[in-house]
Amino acid sequence: MASSARKVIDNIVEFIEVKTEQVKLKIIAKVARMLSGVIALSMLALFTMFFLFFLSFAFAEMINNGLDSNYLGYLIISGGYLLIIITVVLLLKTRKMQKWIENLIVKLEEAKYEQKRDH
């Protein structure tokens, strides 16, 4: 009798250890998935910034050539970026940008959930 009770206890302990390990692995998988997404988005943002940086120089040089100036193209492009910065700051102050980003994230998560549910 004592040996069968010991086996049941051992099986329960082993079951708990397996379940604990399973939860750990699920957490690790979710963290890895999240980190891979963050890294991919960071790389995309970095290369997009490089692209915009060099594109800005190209446009500034085109404007310089068109206006026969050494600096007006750079000032015009800088002014455009200043307008973008002011717009973003105003959107941040009114929390419109945060709400837009939150809605975008919710929609993306809903789409992922729907896709998982359909499969």
C-alpha atoms as a PDB file:
ATOM      1  CA  MET A   1       0.000   0.000   0.000  1.00  0.00           C
ATOM      2  CA  ALA A   2       2.761   2.432   0.925  1.00  0.00           C
ATOM      3  CA  SER A   3       4.661   1.718  -2.274  1.00  0.00           C
ATOM      4  CA  SER A   4       1.615   2.437  -4.489  1.00  0.00           C
ATOM      5  CA  ALA A   5       0.999   5.705  -2.598  1.00  0.00           C
ATOM      6  CA  ARG A   6       4.659   6.588  -3.089  1.00  0.00           C
ATOM      7  CA  LYS A   7       4.306   5.897  -6.845  1.00  0.00           C
ATOM      8  CA  VAL A   8       1.265   8.159  -7.039  1.00  0.00           C
ATOM      9  CA  ILE A   9       3.154  10.938  -5.231  1.00  0.00           C
ATOM     10  CA  ASP A  10       6.168  10.443  -7.502  1.00  0.00           C
ATOM     11  CA  ASN A  11       3.899  10.603 -10.571  1.00  0.00           C
ATOM     12  CA  ILE A  12       2.249  13.790  -9.299  1.00  0.00           C
ATOM     13  CA  VAL A  13       5.648  15.399  -8.623  1.00  0.00           C
ATOM     14  CA  GLU A  14       6.893  14.364 -12.067  1.00  0.00           C
ATOM     15  CA  PHE A  15       3.689  15.716 -13.662  1.00  0.00           C
ATOM     16  CA  ILE A  16       4.137  19.059 -11.890  1.00  0.00           C
ATOM     17  CA  GLU A  17       7.787  19.235 -12.992  1.00  0.00           C
ATOM     18  CA  VAL A  18       6.832  18.475 -16.614  1.00  0.00           C
ATOM     19  CA  LYS A  19       4.049  21.087 -16.549  1.00  0.00           C
ATOM     20  CA  THR A  20       6.416  23.663 -15.008  1.00  0.00           C
ATOM     21  CA  GLU A  21       8.971  22.954 -17.726  1.00  0.00           C
ATOM     22  CA  GLN A  22       6.253  23.215 -20.373  1.00  0.00           C
ATOM     23  CA  VAL A  23       5.176  26.638 -19.066  1.00  0.00           C
ATOM     24  CA  LYS A  24       8.807  27.796 -19.035  1.00  0.00           C
ATOM     25  CA  LEU A  25       9.254  26.690 -22.651  1.00  0.00           C
ATOM     26  CA  LYS A  26       6.060  28.472 -23.711  1.00  0.00           C
ATOM     27  CA  ILE A  27       7.243  31.674 -22.024  1.00  0.00           C
ATOM     28  CA  ILE A  28      10.661  31.369 -23.675  1.00  0.00           C
ATOM     29  CA  ALA A  29       9.007  30.839 -27.075  1.00  0.00           C
ATOM     30  CA  LYS A  30       6.791  33.915 -26.630  1.00  0.00           C
ATOM     31  CA  VAL A  31       9.724  36.071 -25.510  1.00  0.00           C
ATOM     32  CA  ALA A  32      11.819  34.833 -28.450  1.00  0.00           C
ATOM     33  CA  ARG A  33       8.982  35.595 -30.873  1.00  0.00           C
ATOM     34  CA  MET A  34       8.558  39.061 -29.388  1.00  0.00           C
ATOM     35  CA  LEU A  35      12.295  39.807 -29.436  1.00  0.00           C
ATOM     36  CA  SER A  36      12.648  38.624 -33.019  1.00  0.00           C
ATOM     37  CA  GLY A  37       9.872  41.011 -33.995  1.00  0.00           C
ATOM     38  CA  VAL A  38      11.517  43.892 -32.147  1.00  0.00           C
ATOM     39  CA  ILE A  39      14.881  43.135 -33.753  1.00  0.00           C
ATOM     40  CA  ALA A  40      13.335  42.874 -37.228  1.00  0.00           C
ATOM     41  CA  LEU A  41      11.474  46.169 -36.780  1.00  0.00           C
ATOM     42  CA  SER A  42      14.625  47.833 -35.442  1.00  0.00           C
ATOM     43  CA  MET A  43      16.584  46.697 -38.489  1.00  0.00           C
ATOM     44  CA  LEU A  44      13.825  47.920 -40.774  1.00  0.00           C
ATOM     45  CA  ALA A  45      13.783  51.286 -38.997  1.00  0.00           C
ATOM     46  CA  LEU A  46      17.567  51.597 -39.227  1.00  0.00           C
ATOM     47  CA  PHE A  47      17.696  50.859 -42.951  1.00  0.00           C
ATOM     48  CA  THR A  48      14.716  53.127 -43.567  1.00  0.00           C
ATOM     49  CA  MET A  49      16.565  55.932 -41.782  1.00  0.00           C
ATOM     50  CA  PHE A  50      19.654  55.362 -43.941  1.00  0.00           C
ATOM     51  CA  PHE A  51      17.473  55.374 -47.052  1.00  0.00           C
ATOM     52  CA  LEU A  52      15.761  58.624 -46.074  1.00  0.00           C
ATOM     53  CA  PHE A  53      19.085  60.179 -45.102  1.00  0.00           C
ATOM     54  CA  PHE A  54      20.673  59.569 -48.494  1.00  0.00           C
ATOM     55  CA  LEU A  55      17.463  60.358 -50.358  1.00  0.00           C
ATOM     56  CA  SER A  56      17.332  63.697 -48.537  1.00  0.00           C
ATOM     57  CA  PHE A  57      20.862  64.491 -49.647  1.00  0.00           C
ATOM     58  CA  ALA A  58      19.985  63.568 -53.218  1.00  0.00           C
ATOM     59  CA  PHE A  59      16.913  65.826 -53.197  1.00  0.00           C
ATOM     60  CA  ALA A  60      18.877  68.646 -51.561  1.00  0.00           C
ATOM     61  CA  GLU A  61      21.544  68.382 -54.277  1.00  0.00           C
ATOM     62  CA  MET A  62      18.839  68.387 -56.974  1.00  0.00           C
ATOM     63  CA  ILE A  63      17.295  71.525 -55.473  1.00  0.00           C
ATOM     64  CA  ASN A  64      20.744  73.103 -55.143  1.00  0.00           C
ATOM     65  CA  ASN A  65      21.410  72.445 -58.828  1.00  0.00           C
ATOM     66  CA  GLY A  66      17.975  73.733 -59.814  1.00  0.00           C
ATOM     67  CA  LEU A  67      18.337  76.908 -57.781  1.00  0.00           C
ATOM     68  CA  ASP A  68      22.039  77.315 -58.595  1.00  0.00           C
ATOM     69  CA  SER A  69      22.879  77.421 -54.886  1.00  0.00           C
ATOM     70  CA  ASN A  70      25.196  75.605 -52.531  1.00  0.00           C
ATOM     71  CA  TYR A  71      22.873  75.533 -49.529  1.00  0.00           C
ATOM     72  CA  LEU A  72      19.211  76.361 -50.334  1.00  0.00           C
ATOM     73  CA  GLY A  73      18.368  72.738 -51.103  1.00  0.00           C
ATOM     74  CA  TYR A  74      19.608  71.666 -47.692  1.00  0.00           C
ATOM     75  CA  LEU A  75      17.624  74.426 -46.006  1.00  0.00           C
ATOM     76  CA  ILE A  76      14.448  73.498 -47.883  1.00  0.00           C
ATOM     77  CA  ILE A  77      14.788  69.801 -47.011  1.00  0.00           C
ATOM     78  CA  SER A  78      15.598  70.709 -43.383  1.00  0.00           C
ATOM     79  CA  GLY A  79      12.517  72.929 -43.282  1.00  0.00           C
ATOM     80  CA  GLY A  80      10.409  70.004 -44.502  1.00  0.00           C
ATOM     81  CA  TYR A  81      11.767  67.839 -41.710  1.00  0.00           C
ATOM     82  CA  LEU A  82      11.105  70.629 -39.213  1.00  0.00           C
ATOM     83  CA  LEU A  83       7.454  70.712 -40.317  1.00  0.00           C
ATOM     84  CA  ILE A  84       7.244  66.932 -39.868  1.00  0.00           C
ATOM     85  CA  ILE A  85       8.768  67.205 -36.367  1.00  0.00           C
ATOM     86  CA  ILE A  86       6.334  69.959 -35.374  1.00  0.00           C
ATOM     87  CA  THR A  87       3.399  67.893 -36.677  1.00  0.00           C
ATOM     88  CA  VAL A  88       4.536  64.799 -34.740  1.00  0.00           C
ATOM     89  CA  VAL A  89       5.043  66.831 -31.536  1.00  0.00           C
ATOM     90  CA  LEU A  90       1.545  68.308 -31.861  1.00  0.00           C
ATOM     91  CA  LEU A  91       0.074  64.854 -32.485  1.00  0.00           C
ATOM     92  CA  LEU A  92       1.923  63.503 -29.437  1.00  0.00           C
ATOM     93  CA  LYS A  93       0.671  66.338 -27.236  1.00  0.00           C
ATOM     94  CA  THR A  94      -2.925  65.620 -28.213  1.00  0.00           C
ATOM     95  CA  ARG A  95      -2.303  61.846 -27.843  1.00  0.00           C
ATOM     96  CA  LYS A  96      -3.700  61.302 -31.346  1.00  0.00           C
ATOM     97  CA  MET A  97      -0.552  59.512 -32.456  1.00  0.00           C
ATOM     98  CA  GLN A  98      -0.549  57.194 -29.425  1.00  0.00           C
ATOM     99  CA  LYS A  99      -4.217  56.332 -30.022  1.00  0.00           C
ATOM    100  CA  TRP A 100      -3.520  55.643 -33.685  1.00  0.00           C
ATOM    101  CA  ILE A 101      -0.576  53.368 -32.797  1.00  0.00           C
ATOM    102  CA  GLU A 102      -2.614  51.584 -30.107  1.00  0.00           C
ATOM    103  CA  ASN A 103      -5.445  50.970 -32.589  1.00  0.00           C
ATOM    104  CA  LEU A 104      -2.960  49.682 -35.149  1.00  0.00           C
ATOM    105  CA  ILE A 105      -1.433  47.255 -32.646  1.00  0.00           C
ATOM    106  CA  VAL A 106      -4.878  46.026 -31.546  1.00  0.00           C
ATOM    107  CA  LYS A 107      -5.932  45.452 -35.159  1.00  0.00           C
ATOM    108  CA  LEU A 108      -2.717  43.556 -35.908  1.00  0.00           C
ATOM    109  CA  GLU A 109      -3.166  41.369 -32.826  1.00  0.00           C
ATOM    110  CA  GLU A 110      -6.817  40.722 -33.722  1.00  0.00           C
ATOM    111  CA  ALA A 111      -5.766  39.706 -37.236  1.00  0.00           C
ATOM    112  CA  LYS A 112      -3.140  37.331 -35.797  1.00  0.00           C
ATOM    113  CA  TYR A 113      -5.714  35.848 -33.423  1.00  0.00           C
ATOM    114  CA  GLU A 114      -8.246  35.394 -36.240  1.00  0.00           C
ATOM    115  CA  GLN A 115      -5.610  33.767 -38.429  1.00  0.00           C
ATOM    116  CA  LYS A 116      -4.605  31.343 -35.653  1.00  0.00           C
ATOM    117  CA  ARG A 117      -8.260  30.558 -34.908  1.00  0.00           C
ATOM    118  CA  ASP A 118      -9.033  29.824 -38.579  1.00  0.00           C
ATOM    119  CA  HIS A 119      -6.167  27.357 -38.832  1.00  0.00           C
END
